[in-house]
Every structure is written in structure tokens, then in C-alpha cells.
């Protein structure tokens, strides 16, 4: 059986929150690249909480504002790297 651990949808600008909810159901998903989608919201990012093994989300052009940062900060399995850290992401969302 094929196990998808890394998913790149960086070239799919019309990706929606419903797509994220479907990706979150992939049990082995550890990393997702969402570099260019324009239609995502904080709720879509929040749906990634159900991706039990998710460790990394790449966002470069997604504009969800503070609510999006808050949604990502709620995903317990994400690692924010030793230089930034989880508290820095929380601080960014608060200030």
C-alpha cells in the first residue's frame, strides 16, 4: 500500500479549505507544501489538526492573517524549528 508522507500542492492556486480537510485524513501525512493557494482560510488550516502525524506546513503566499497563525499554533504535532519555536508563533499572533 502506498503511504503518502509528503504532499506538495504549491502550484495549485485554487486549493480550498475542503481540499485541506481531505488531506488531513491522510494518516501518514507528515509534510504539506501550501506555498501558493489563495483561497485558504484559517478554518481550512485548522482542519489540519486531525492530521495526526503532520510535522511541517510550508506557507509562503497564503494570506490568512492572525487567525491563520492561531490555527497553525493549535496544531500540536507541528514543529516550528529550533530558531523560531512555538512561543514565537504565538507571540506573532498576539502582537
C-alpha atoms as a PDB file:
ATOM      1  CA  UNK A   1       0.000   0.000   0.000  1.00  0.00           C
ATOM      2  CA  UNK A   2       1.268   3.474  -0.909  1.00  0.00           C
ATOM      3  CA  UNK A   3       1.846   5.792   2.048  1.00  0.00           C
ATOM      4  CA  UNK A   4       1.936   9.493   1.284  1.00  0.00           C
ATOM      5  CA  UNK A   5       4.060  11.303   3.839  1.00  0.00           C
ATOM      6  CA  UNK A   6       4.882  14.468   1.852  1.00  0.00           C
ATOM      7  CA  UNK A   7       2.424  16.393  -0.294  1.00  0.00           C
ATOM      8  CA  UNK A   8       3.167  19.442  -2.432  1.00  0.00           C
ATOM      9  CA  UNK A   9       0.251  21.398  -3.809  1.00  0.00           C
ATOM     10  CA  UNK A  10       2.263  24.577  -4.231  1.00  0.00           C
ATOM     11  CA  UNK A  11       1.257  25.010  -7.883  1.00  0.00           C
ATOM     12  CA  UNK A  12      -2.486  24.703  -7.196  1.00  0.00           C
ATOM     13  CA  UNK A  13      -3.652  28.279  -6.573  1.00  0.00           C
ATOM     14  CA  UNK A  14      -7.326  27.252  -6.389  1.00  0.00           C
ATOM     15  CA  UNK A  15      -6.882  24.864  -3.460  1.00  0.00           C
ATOM     16  CA  UNK A  16      -9.783  25.180  -1.000  1.00  0.00           C
ATOM     17  CA  UNK A  17     -10.470  24.522   2.667  1.00  0.00           C
ATOM     18  CA  UNK A  18     -12.357  21.369   1.627  1.00  0.00           C
ATOM     19  CA  UNK A  19      -9.180  20.095  -0.035  1.00  0.00           C
ATOM     20  CA  UNK A  20      -7.245  20.657   3.198  1.00  0.00           C
ATOM     21  CA  UNK A  21      -9.875  18.749   5.160  1.00  0.00           C
ATOM     22  CA  UNK A  22      -9.454  15.818   2.761  1.00  0.00           C
ATOM     23  CA  UNK A  23      -5.654  15.934   3.026  1.00  0.00           C
ATOM     24  CA  UNK A  24      -5.937  15.914   6.817  1.00  0.00           C
ATOM     25  CA  UNK A  25      -7.486  12.445   6.570  1.00  0.00           C
ATOM     26  CA  UNK A  26      -4.263  11.011   5.104  1.00  0.00           C
ATOM     27  CA  UNK A  27      -2.949   9.021   8.091  1.00  0.00           C
ATOM     28  CA  UNK A  28       0.739   9.126   7.165  1.00  0.00           C
ATOM     29  CA  UNK A  29       0.939  12.793   6.102  1.00  0.00           C
ATOM     30  CA  UNK A  30       3.920  14.487   7.753  1.00  0.00           C
ATOM     31  CA  UNK A  31       4.587  17.467   5.490  1.00  0.00           C
ATOM     32  CA  UNK A  32       2.440  19.620   3.228  1.00  0.00           C
ATOM     33  CA  UNK A  33       3.574  22.460   0.968  1.00  0.00           C
ATOM     34  CA  UNK A  34       0.853  25.100   0.552  1.00  0.00           C
ATOM     35  CA  UNK A  35       3.052  27.797  -0.941  1.00  0.00           C
ATOM     36  CA  UNK A  36       0.682  29.499  -3.384  1.00  0.00           C
ATOM     37  CA  UNK A  37      -3.005  28.715  -2.690  1.00  0.00           C
ATOM     38  CA  UNK A  38      -5.032  31.928  -2.417  1.00  0.00           C
ATOM     39  CA  UNK A  39      -8.412  30.581  -1.303  1.00  0.00           C
ATOM     40  CA  UNK A  40      -7.432  29.077   2.049  1.00  0.00           C
ATOM     41  CA  UNK A  41      -8.788  30.395   5.324  1.00  0.00           C
ATOM     42  CA  UNK A  42      -7.913  29.893   8.968  1.00  0.00           C
ATOM     43  CA  UNK A  43     -10.685  27.287   9.195  1.00  0.00           C
ATOM     44  CA  UNK A  44      -9.023  25.289   6.432  1.00  0.00           C
ATOM     45  CA  UNK A  45      -5.705  25.410   8.241  1.00  0.00           C
ATOM     46  CA  UNK A  46      -7.448  24.444  11.466  1.00  0.00           C
ATOM     47  CA  UNK A  47      -8.767  21.286   9.766  1.00  0.00           C
ATOM     48  CA  UNK A  48      -5.164  20.090   9.564  1.00  0.00           C
ATOM     49  CA  UNK A  49      -5.358  19.409  13.318  1.00  0.00           C
ATOM     50  CA  UNK A  50      -6.787  15.998  12.510  1.00  0.00           C
ATOM     51  CA  UNK A  51      -3.628  15.029  10.568  1.00  0.00           C
ATOM     52  CA  UNK A  52      -2.108  13.037  13.408  1.00  0.00           C
ATOM     53  CA  UNK A  53       1.441  12.860  12.022  1.00  0.00           C
ATOM     54  CA  UNK A  54       1.737  16.339  10.497  1.00  0.00           C
ATOM     55  CA  UNK A  55       5.120  17.869  11.366  1.00  0.00           C
ATOM     56  CA  UNK A  56       5.572  20.590   8.743  1.00  0.00           C
ATOM     57  CA  UNK A  57       3.374  23.058   6.826  1.00  0.00           C
ATOM     58  CA  UNK A  58       5.021  25.309   4.254  1.00  0.00           C
ATOM     59  CA  UNK A  59       3.208  28.608   3.675  1.00  0.00           C
ATOM     60  CA  UNK A  60       4.678  31.451   1.663  1.00  0.00           C
ATOM     61  CA  UNK A  61       1.836  33.246  -0.112  1.00  0.00           C
ATOM     62  CA  UNK A  62      -1.181  32.229   1.920  1.00  0.00           C
ATOM     63  CA  UNK A  63      -2.869  35.261   3.454  1.00  0.00           C
ATOM     64  CA  UNK A  64      -4.987  34.182   6.402  1.00  0.00           C
ATOM     65  CA  UNK A  65      -3.793  36.836   8.856  1.00  0.00           C
ATOM     66  CA  UNK A  66      -3.570  36.342  12.586  1.00  0.00           C
ATOM     67  CA  UNK A  67      -6.368  33.787  12.545  1.00  0.00           C
ATOM     68  CA  UNK A  68      -4.277  31.553  10.278  1.00  0.00           C
ATOM     69  CA  UNK A  69      -1.278  31.819  12.588  1.00  0.00           C
ATOM     70  CA  UNK A  70      -3.504  30.997  15.549  1.00  0.00           C
ATOM     71  CA  UNK A  71      -4.891  27.963  13.697  1.00  0.00           C
ATOM     72  CA  UNK A  72      -1.379  26.670  12.997  1.00  0.00           C
ATOM     73  CA  UNK A  73      -0.301  27.277  16.589  1.00  0.00           C
ATOM     74  CA  UNK A  74      -3.136  24.971  17.711  1.00  0.00           C
ATOM     75  CA  UNK A  75      -1.731  22.007  15.758  1.00  0.00           C
ATOM     76  CA  UNK A  76       0.137  20.147  18.471  1.00  0.00           C
ATOM     77  CA  UNK A  77       2.256  17.989  16.174  1.00  0.00           C
ATOM     78  CA  UNK A  78       3.846  20.864  14.219  1.00  0.00           C
ATOM     79  CA  UNK A  79       7.468  21.644  14.863  1.00  0.00           C
ATOM     80  CA  UNK A  80       8.436  25.265  14.336  1.00  0.00           C
ATOM     81  CA  UNK A  81      12.191  24.700  14.290  1.00  0.00           C
ATOM     82  CA  UNK A  82      14.713  25.459  16.973  1.00  0.00           C
ATOM     83  CA  UNK A  83      15.339  29.034  15.811  1.00  0.00           C
ATOM     84  CA  UNK A  84      11.717  30.185  15.851  1.00  0.00           C
ATOM     85  CA  UNK A  85       9.910  27.977  18.304  1.00  0.00           C
ATOM     86  CA  UNK A  86       6.232  27.560  19.103  1.00  0.00           C
ATOM     87  CA  UNK A  87       6.151  30.524  21.509  1.00  0.00           C
ATOM     88  CA  UNK A  88       7.375  32.887  18.789  1.00  0.00           C
ATOM     89  CA  UNK A  89       4.478  31.877  16.559  1.00  0.00           C
ATOM     90  CA  UNK A  90       2.092  32.515  19.434  1.00  0.00           C
ATOM     91  CA  UNK A  91       3.742  35.897  20.051  1.00  0.00           C
ATOM     92  CA  UNK A  92       3.366  36.788  16.363  1.00  0.00           C
ATOM     93  CA  UNK A  93      -0.339  36.055  16.570  1.00  0.00           C
ATOM     94  CA  UNK A  94      -0.699  38.228  19.673  1.00  0.00           C
ATOM     95  CA  UNK A  95       1.171  41.233  18.535  1.00  0.00           C
END
